[in-house]
Amino acid sequence: MLLRDRTVIVSGVGAGLGHQVAAACARDGARVVLGARTAANLVATAGRIDASGERTAWRVTDIADEAQCAAPAGLAVERFGGIDAVIHVAALDGHFGGLRDADFDAWQRVVDVNLVGTLRMTRACLPAMTARGGSVVMVGPLEGA
């Protein structure tokens, strides 16, 4: 098992891809720290992938909020002793129309979450990850690619 006894943070744990990524990490032996904006999704995912609660932990986290980005990293260090990887699944998606009719406030929100939020979350994890030679994985949509 590639991830046995490693600690992985997964951001964007909703009912879809984030849940699947977290579950795959747990199946492969990882201790998983979950982050998402909705507590109900976190509770459900944690319960499904580790009913004992021994190998999962979670924090409500909006990666657009810099202060909240430190919470999963701190929890991983406190509960599991460090961070081996962070997997970014958190993202906003939307259709904004052409440039002529673009809603730049909506675009700014997407940039703040998908780019800046991901960088903030990574930065919050770096001190604990660097000591372990950690990895960063960023997941993005295929639409428009």
N, C-alpha and C. Protein backbone atom coordinates (compact mmCIF):
# COMPACT_ATOMS: atom_id res chain seq x y z
N MET A 1 0.83 -1.18 0.00
CA MET A 1 0.00 0.00 0.00
C MET A 1 0.88 1.24 0.00
N LEU A 2 0.77 2.01 -1.04
CA LEU A 2 1.62 3.18 -1.25
C LEU A 2 1.47 4.23 -0.15
N LEU A 3 0.26 4.40 0.38
CA LEU A 3 0.02 5.46 1.36
C LEU A 3 -0.05 4.98 2.81
N ARG A 4 0.32 3.75 3.06
CA ARG A 4 0.24 3.21 4.43
C ARG A 4 1.01 4.11 5.40
N ASP A 5 0.30 4.50 6.46
CA ASP A 5 0.86 5.32 7.53
C ASP A 5 1.34 6.70 7.09
N ARG A 6 0.83 7.16 5.99
CA ARG A 6 1.10 8.53 5.54
C ARG A 6 -0.13 9.38 5.86
N THR A 7 0.08 10.66 6.02
CA THR A 7 -1.02 11.58 6.30
C THR A 7 -1.26 12.45 5.09
N VAL A 8 -2.50 12.44 4.61
CA VAL A 8 -2.89 13.17 3.41
C VAL A 8 -4.02 14.13 3.77
N ILE A 9 -3.90 15.37 3.34
CA ILE A 9 -4.99 16.34 3.45
C ILE A 9 -5.69 16.39 2.10
N VAL A 10 -7.02 16.31 2.11
CA VAL A 10 -7.81 16.44 0.88
C VAL A 10 -8.74 17.64 1.06
N SER A 11 -8.60 18.64 0.20
CA SER A 11 -9.49 19.79 0.25
C SER A 11 -10.61 19.60 -0.78
N GLY A 12 -11.77 20.16 -0.49
CA GLY A 12 -12.89 20.06 -1.43
C GLY A 12 -13.62 18.74 -1.34
N VAL A 13 -13.82 18.26 -0.12
CA VAL A 13 -14.46 16.95 0.08
C VAL A 13 -15.97 17.15 0.10
N GLY A 14 -16.56 17.06 -1.07
CA GLY A 14 -18.02 17.10 -1.19
C GLY A 14 -18.53 15.70 -1.43
N ALA A 15 -19.65 15.62 -2.11
CA ALA A 15 -20.25 14.31 -2.37
C ALA A 15 -19.64 13.63 -3.60
N GLY A 16 -18.85 14.35 -4.37
CA GLY A 16 -18.34 13.80 -5.63
C GLY A 16 -16.88 13.40 -5.59
N LEU A 17 -16.09 14.07 -6.43
CA LEU A 17 -14.69 13.69 -6.62
C LEU A 17 -13.87 13.78 -5.33
N GLY A 18 -14.06 14.82 -4.55
CA GLY A 18 -13.32 14.95 -3.30
C GLY A 18 -13.54 13.77 -2.37
N HIS A 19 -14.79 13.32 -2.30
CA HIS A 19 -15.11 12.14 -1.49
C HIS A 19 -14.38 10.92 -2.04
N GLN A 20 -14.40 10.74 -3.35
CA GLN A 20 -13.75 9.58 -3.97
C GLN A 20 -12.24 9.60 -3.75
N VAL A 21 -11.64 10.77 -3.85
CA VAL A 21 -10.19 10.88 -3.63
C VAL A 21 -9.86 10.53 -2.18
N ALA A 22 -10.61 11.07 -1.24
CA ALA A 22 -10.38 10.77 0.18
C ALA A 22 -10.55 9.29 0.46
N ALA A 23 -11.59 8.69 -0.10
CA ALA A 23 -11.84 7.26 0.10
C ALA A 23 -10.71 6.41 -0.48
N ALA A 24 -10.20 6.80 -1.65
CA ALA A 24 -9.10 6.05 -2.27
C ALA A 24 -7.84 6.14 -1.40
N CYS A 25 -7.57 7.30 -0.86
CA CYS A 25 -6.40 7.46 0.02
C CYS A 25 -6.54 6.57 1.25
N ALA A 26 -7.72 6.56 1.84
CA ALA A 26 -7.96 5.73 3.03
C ALA A 26 -7.82 4.25 2.71
N ARG A 27 -8.37 3.83 1.56
CA ARG A 27 -8.25 2.42 1.16
C ARG A 27 -6.80 2.01 0.98
N ASP A 28 -5.98 2.98 0.59
CA ASP A 28 -4.57 2.68 0.37
C ASP A 28 -3.74 2.86 1.63
N GLY A 29 -4.40 3.03 2.77
CA GLY A 29 -3.70 3.02 4.05
C GLY A 29 -3.40 4.37 4.67
N ALA A 30 -3.80 5.47 4.03
CA ALA A 30 -3.49 6.80 4.55
C ALA A 30 -4.38 7.18 5.73
N ARG A 31 -3.82 8.03 6.57
CA ARG A 31 -4.62 8.79 7.53
C ARG A 31 -5.06 10.02 6.74
N VAL A 32 -6.34 10.36 6.78
CA VAL A 32 -6.86 11.40 5.90
C VAL A 32 -7.47 12.54 6.71
N VAL A 33 -7.02 13.75 6.41
CA VAL A 33 -7.61 14.96 6.99
C VAL A 33 -8.44 15.60 5.90
N LEU A 34 -9.70 15.79 6.18
CA LEU A 34 -10.66 16.29 5.20
C LEU A 34 -10.94 17.77 5.42
N GLY A 35 -11.07 18.51 4.33
CA GLY A 35 -11.45 19.91 4.40
C GLY A 35 -12.51 20.22 3.37
N ALA A 36 -13.54 20.96 3.77
CA ALA A 36 -14.60 21.40 2.87
C ALA A 36 -15.40 22.49 3.58
N ARG A 37 -16.25 23.16 2.82
CA ARG A 37 -17.05 24.24 3.41
C ARG A 37 -18.27 23.73 4.17
N THR A 38 -18.67 22.50 3.92
CA THR A 38 -19.92 21.99 4.49
C THR A 38 -19.64 20.87 5.49
N ALA A 39 -19.98 21.11 6.75
CA ALA A 39 -19.72 20.13 7.80
C ALA A 39 -20.43 18.81 7.53
N ALA A 40 -21.64 18.86 7.00
CA ALA A 40 -22.39 17.62 6.74
C ALA A 40 -21.64 16.72 5.76
N ASN A 41 -21.02 17.28 4.74
CA ASN A 41 -20.23 16.48 3.80
C ASN A 41 -19.02 15.87 4.48
N LEU A 42 -18.39 16.62 5.35
CA LEU A 42 -17.21 16.12 6.06
C LEU A 42 -17.57 14.98 7.00
N VAL A 43 -18.64 15.15 7.75
CA VAL A 43 -19.08 14.10 8.68
C VAL A 43 -19.44 12.84 7.90
N ALA A 44 -20.18 12.99 6.81
CA ALA A 44 -20.60 11.83 6.02
C ALA A 44 -19.40 11.11 5.42
N THR A 45 -18.48 11.86 4.83
CA THR A 45 -17.31 11.24 4.22
C THR A 45 -16.44 10.56 5.26
N ALA A 46 -16.18 11.24 6.37
CA ALA A 46 -15.35 10.64 7.43
C ALA A 46 -15.98 9.34 7.93
N GLY A 47 -17.29 9.33 8.11
CA GLY A 47 -17.97 8.13 8.58
C GLY A 47 -17.93 6.99 7.58
N ARG A 48 -18.01 7.32 6.29
CA ARG A 48 -17.98 6.27 5.26
C ARG A 48 -16.59 5.66 5.10
N ILE A 49 -15.55 6.49 5.18
CA ILE A 49 -14.22 5.95 4.89
C ILE A 49 -13.52 5.39 6.12
N ASP A 50 -13.98 5.78 7.32
CA ASP A 50 -13.37 5.25 8.55
C ASP A 50 -14.36 5.39 9.70
N ALA A 51 -15.19 4.40 9.84
CA ALA A 51 -16.24 4.44 10.88
C ALA A 51 -15.66 4.57 12.28
N SER A 52 -14.44 4.08 12.49
CA SER A 52 -13.83 4.16 13.82
C SER A 52 -13.38 5.58 14.16
N GLY A 53 -13.13 6.38 13.14
CA GLY A 53 -12.64 7.74 13.37
C GLY A 53 -11.17 7.82 13.74
N GLU A 54 -10.50 6.68 13.75
CA GLU A 54 -9.09 6.66 14.15
C GLU A 54 -8.15 7.19 13.07
N ARG A 55 -8.55 7.05 11.80
CA ARG A 55 -7.66 7.42 10.71
C ARG A 55 -8.17 8.59 9.89
N THR A 56 -9.21 9.26 10.40
CA THR A 56 -9.72 10.45 9.72
C THR A 56 -9.91 11.58 10.72
N ALA A 57 -9.83 12.78 10.20
CA ALA A 57 -10.12 13.99 10.96
C ALA A 57 -10.61 15.02 9.95
N TRP A 58 -11.33 16.02 10.41
CA TRP A 58 -11.83 17.02 9.47
C TRP A 58 -11.97 18.39 10.11
N ARG A 59 -11.95 19.39 9.24
CA ARG A 59 -12.20 20.77 9.64
C ARG A 59 -13.00 21.45 8.53
N VAL A 60 -13.99 22.22 8.92
CA VAL A 60 -14.69 23.06 7.95
C VAL A 60 -13.66 24.07 7.45
N THR A 61 -13.51 24.12 6.12
CA THR A 61 -12.47 24.95 5.53
C THR A 61 -12.95 25.55 4.21
N ASP A 62 -12.93 26.88 4.14
CA ASP A 62 -13.17 27.59 2.89
C ASP A 62 -11.80 28.10 2.46
N ILE A 63 -11.24 27.55 1.39
CA ILE A 63 -9.88 27.92 1.00
C ILE A 63 -9.78 29.35 0.49
N ALA A 64 -10.91 30.02 0.28
CA ALA A 64 -10.87 31.44 -0.07
C ALA A 64 -10.57 32.30 1.15
N ASP A 65 -10.65 31.71 2.33
CA ASP A 65 -10.40 32.41 3.59
C ASP A 65 -9.03 31.98 4.11
N GLU A 66 -8.07 32.89 4.04
CA GLU A 66 -6.69 32.54 4.41
C GLU A 66 -6.58 31.97 5.82
N ALA A 67 -7.33 32.53 6.75
CA ALA A 67 -7.26 32.05 8.14
C ALA A 67 -7.71 30.60 8.25
N GLN A 68 -8.68 30.20 7.45
CA GLN A 68 -9.18 28.82 7.52
C GLN A 68 -8.24 27.81 6.88
N CYS A 69 -7.34 28.26 6.01
CA CYS A 69 -6.43 27.33 5.33
C CYS A 69 -5.46 26.65 6.29
N ALA A 70 -5.17 27.28 7.40
CA ALA A 70 -4.24 26.69 8.37
C ALA A 70 -4.87 25.59 9.21
N ALA A 71 -6.20 25.56 9.28
CA ALA A 71 -6.87 24.61 10.18
C ALA A 71 -6.59 23.14 9.84
N PRO A 72 -6.74 22.70 8.59
CA PRO A 72 -6.44 21.28 8.30
C PRO A 72 -4.97 20.93 8.55
N ALA A 73 -4.08 21.85 8.22
CA ALA A 73 -2.65 21.59 8.45
C ALA A 73 -2.36 21.43 9.93
N GLY A 74 -2.89 22.32 10.74
CA GLY A 74 -2.70 22.22 12.18
C GLY A 74 -3.28 20.94 12.76
N LEU A 75 -4.45 20.57 12.27
CA LEU A 75 -5.09 19.33 12.72
C LEU A 75 -4.26 18.11 12.35
N ALA A 76 -3.72 18.09 11.13
CA ALA A 76 -2.90 16.95 10.69
C ALA A 76 -1.67 16.79 11.57
N VAL A 77 -1.04 17.89 11.90
CA VAL A 77 0.15 17.83 12.76
C VAL A 77 -0.23 17.41 14.17
N GLU A 78 -1.28 18.00 14.70
CA GLU A 78 -1.71 17.69 16.07
C GLU A 78 -2.16 16.24 16.22
N ARG A 79 -2.95 15.79 15.28
CA ARG A 79 -3.56 14.46 15.40
C ARG A 79 -2.67 13.34 14.89
N PHE A 80 -1.95 13.59 13.78
CA PHE A 80 -1.21 12.52 13.12
C PHE A 80 0.30 12.76 13.02
N GLY A 81 0.79 13.88 13.52
CA GLY A 81 2.22 14.11 13.59
C GLY A 81 2.88 14.74 12.38
N GLY A 82 2.12 15.08 11.35
CA GLY A 82 2.72 15.72 10.18
C GLY A 82 1.84 15.59 8.96
N ILE A 83 2.40 15.99 7.82
CA ILE A 83 1.68 15.95 6.55
C ILE A 83 2.61 15.36 5.50
N ASP A 84 2.13 14.37 4.77
CA ASP A 84 2.90 13.78 3.67
C ASP A 84 2.44 14.27 2.31
N ALA A 85 1.18 14.68 2.21
CA ALA A 85 0.67 15.16 0.92
C ALA A 85 -0.58 15.99 1.14
N VAL A 86 -0.80 16.91 0.22
CA VAL A 86 -2.06 17.64 0.18
C VAL A 86 -2.61 17.50 -1.24
N ILE A 87 -3.87 17.14 -1.33
CA ILE A 87 -4.54 16.96 -2.62
C ILE A 87 -5.65 18.00 -2.69
N HIS A 88 -5.54 18.89 -3.67
CA HIS A 88 -6.51 19.97 -3.84
C HIS A 88 -7.58 19.55 -4.83
N VAL A 89 -8.78 19.37 -4.33
CA VAL A 89 -9.93 19.09 -5.19
C VAL A 89 -10.89 20.28 -5.16
N ALA A 90 -10.77 21.12 -4.14
CA ALA A 90 -11.65 22.28 -3.97
C ALA A 90 -11.56 23.19 -5.18
N ALA A 91 -12.71 23.56 -5.73
CA ALA A 91 -12.74 24.46 -6.87
C ALA A 91 -14.15 24.97 -7.09
N LEU A 92 -14.22 26.15 -7.66
CA LEU A 92 -15.50 26.68 -8.12
C LEU A 92 -15.55 26.50 -9.62
N ASP A 93 -16.70 26.20 -10.13
CA ASP A 93 -16.88 26.01 -11.56
C ASP A 93 -18.06 26.87 -11.98
N GLY A 94 -18.06 27.27 -13.21
CA GLY A 94 -19.19 28.05 -13.70
C GLY A 94 -19.00 28.43 -15.14
N HIS A 95 -20.06 28.92 -15.72
CA HIS A 95 -20.03 29.40 -17.10
C HIS A 95 -20.25 30.91 -17.05
N PHE A 96 -19.33 31.65 -17.62
CA PHE A 96 -19.34 33.09 -17.44
C PHE A 96 -19.65 33.85 -18.72
N GLY A 97 -19.91 33.15 -19.82
CA GLY A 97 -20.19 33.83 -21.07
C GLY A 97 -18.92 34.37 -21.70
N GLY A 98 -19.11 35.10 -22.77
CA GLY A 98 -17.97 35.66 -23.47
C GLY A 98 -17.43 36.89 -22.77
N LEU A 99 -16.34 37.39 -23.26
CA LEU A 99 -15.68 38.53 -22.66
C LEU A 99 -16.59 39.75 -22.61
N ARG A 100 -17.36 39.94 -23.66
CA ARG A 100 -18.24 41.11 -23.74
C ARG A 100 -19.24 41.17 -22.59
N ASP A 101 -19.77 40.02 -22.20
CA ASP A 101 -20.79 39.96 -21.16
C ASP A 101 -20.28 39.37 -19.85
N ALA A 102 -18.99 39.26 -19.72
CA ALA A 102 -18.41 38.58 -18.56
C ALA A 102 -18.77 39.29 -17.25
N ASP A 103 -19.04 38.48 -16.25
CA ASP A 103 -19.26 38.98 -14.90
C ASP A 103 -17.91 38.86 -14.18
N PHE A 104 -17.18 39.96 -14.13
CA PHE A 104 -15.83 39.91 -13.58
C PHE A 104 -15.80 39.65 -12.09
N ASP A 105 -16.87 39.96 -11.38
CA ASP A 105 -16.94 39.60 -9.96
C ASP A 105 -16.97 38.09 -9.80
N ALA A 106 -17.72 37.41 -10.69
CA ALA A 106 -17.76 35.95 -10.66
C ALA A 106 -16.40 35.36 -11.01
N TRP A 107 -15.74 35.93 -12.02
CA TRP A 107 -14.40 35.48 -12.39
C TRP A 107 -13.43 35.66 -11.23
N GLN A 108 -13.52 36.81 -10.56
CA GLN A 108 -12.62 37.08 -9.44
C GLN A 108 -12.80 36.04 -8.34
N ARG A 109 -14.04 35.67 -8.07
CA ARG A 109 -14.32 34.65 -7.04
C ARG A 109 -13.67 33.32 -7.43
N VAL A 110 -13.77 32.95 -8.71
CA VAL A 110 -13.16 31.70 -9.18
C VAL A 110 -11.64 31.76 -9.03
N VAL A 111 -11.03 32.86 -9.40
CA VAL A 111 -9.58 33.01 -9.25
C VAL A 111 -9.19 32.96 -7.77
N ASP A 112 -9.97 33.63 -6.92
CA ASP A 112 -9.67 33.64 -5.49
C ASP A 112 -9.72 32.25 -4.88
N VAL A 113 -10.63 31.41 -5.35
CA VAL A 113 -10.74 30.05 -4.81
C VAL A 113 -9.77 29.11 -5.52
N ASN A 114 -9.90 29.01 -6.84
CA ASN A 114 -9.17 27.99 -7.59
C ASN A 114 -7.67 28.21 -7.66
N LEU A 115 -7.24 29.45 -7.69
CA LEU A 115 -5.81 29.72 -7.77
C LEU A 115 -5.26 30.17 -6.41
N VAL A 116 -5.74 31.30 -5.93
CA VAL A 116 -5.19 31.87 -4.70
C VAL A 116 -5.48 30.96 -3.50
N GLY A 117 -6.68 30.43 -3.41
CA GLY A 117 -7.02 29.53 -2.30
C GLY A 117 -6.15 28.29 -2.27
N THR A 118 -5.91 27.73 -3.44
CA THR A 118 -5.06 26.54 -3.53
C THR A 118 -3.63 26.87 -3.09
N LEU A 119 -3.14 28.03 -3.49
CA LEU A 119 -1.79 28.44 -3.08
C LEU A 119 -1.73 28.70 -1.57
N ARG A 120 -2.77 29.32 -1.02
CA ARG A 120 -2.81 29.56 0.43
C ARG A 120 -2.79 28.24 1.21
N MET A 121 -3.60 27.32 0.76
CA MET A 121 -3.68 26.03 1.45
C MET A 121 -2.34 25.30 1.37
N THR A 122 -1.71 25.35 0.21
CA THR A 122 -0.40 24.72 0.05
C THR A 122 0.62 25.37 0.97
N ARG A 123 0.62 26.69 1.02
CA ARG A 123 1.57 27.40 1.89
C ARG A 123 1.37 27.02 3.35
N ALA A 124 0.11 26.88 3.77
CA ALA A 124 -0.17 26.50 5.16
C ALA A 124 0.38 25.11 5.48
N CYS A 125 0.45 24.24 4.48
CA CYS A 125 0.91 22.86 4.69
C CYS A 125 2.43 22.71 4.56
N LEU A 126 3.09 23.67 3.93
CA LEU A 126 4.51 23.52 3.62
C LEU A 126 5.41 23.22 4.82
N PRO A 127 5.31 23.94 5.92
CA PRO A 127 6.25 23.65 7.02
C PRO A 127 6.21 22.18 7.46
N ALA A 128 5.03 21.62 7.59
CA ALA A 128 4.91 20.22 8.04
C ALA A 128 5.24 19.24 6.92
N MET A 129 4.97 19.63 5.67
CA MET A 129 5.23 18.72 4.55
C MET A 129 6.70 18.67 4.17
N THR A 130 7.37 19.80 4.23
CA THR A 130 8.76 19.87 3.80
C THR A 130 9.63 18.91 4.60
N ALA A 131 9.37 18.82 5.89
CA ALA A 131 10.15 17.92 6.75
C ALA A 131 10.03 16.47 6.32
N ARG A 132 8.93 16.13 5.65
CA ARG A 132 8.70 14.75 5.23
C ARG A 132 8.89 14.55 3.73
N GLY A 133 9.32 15.59 3.03
CA GLY A 133 9.47 15.46 1.58
C GLY A 133 8.13 15.29 0.90
N GLY A 134 7.13 16.02 1.36
CA GLY A 134 5.75 15.85 0.92
C GLY A 134 5.48 16.18 -0.54
N SER A 135 4.24 15.88 -0.94
CA SER A 135 3.80 16.08 -2.31
C SER A 135 2.53 16.92 -2.34
N VAL A 136 2.36 17.66 -3.44
CA VAL A 136 1.16 18.45 -3.68
C VAL A 136 0.54 17.96 -4.98
N VAL A 137 -0.77 17.67 -4.93
CA VAL A 137 -1.51 17.25 -6.12
C VAL A 137 -2.65 18.23 -6.31
N MET A 138 -2.75 18.79 -7.51
CA MET A 138 -3.84 19.72 -7.82
C MET A 138 -4.72 19.10 -8.88
N VAL A 139 -6.00 19.00 -8.57
CA VAL A 139 -6.97 18.40 -9.48
C VAL A 139 -7.77 19.52 -10.11
N GLY A 140 -7.89 19.49 -11.43
CA GLY A 140 -8.66 20.52 -12.13
C GLY A 140 -9.65 19.88 -13.08
N PRO A 141 -10.61 20.67 -13.55
CA PRO A 141 -11.63 20.14 -14.45
C PRO A 141 -11.08 19.92 -15.86
N LEU A 142 -11.68 18.99 -16.57
CA LEU A 142 -11.32 18.75 -17.97
C LEU A 142 -12.11 19.64 -18.91
N GLU A 143 -13.24 20.17 -18.44
CA GLU A 143 -14.08 21.00 -19.28
C GLU A 143 -13.29 22.19 -19.79
N GLY A 144 -13.37 22.41 -21.07
CA GLY A 144 -12.67 23.54 -21.66
C GLY A 144 -11.21 23.26 -21.97
N ALA A 145 -10.73 22.09 -21.60
CA ALA A 145 -9.32 21.78 -21.85
C ALA A 145 -9.10 21.38 -23.28
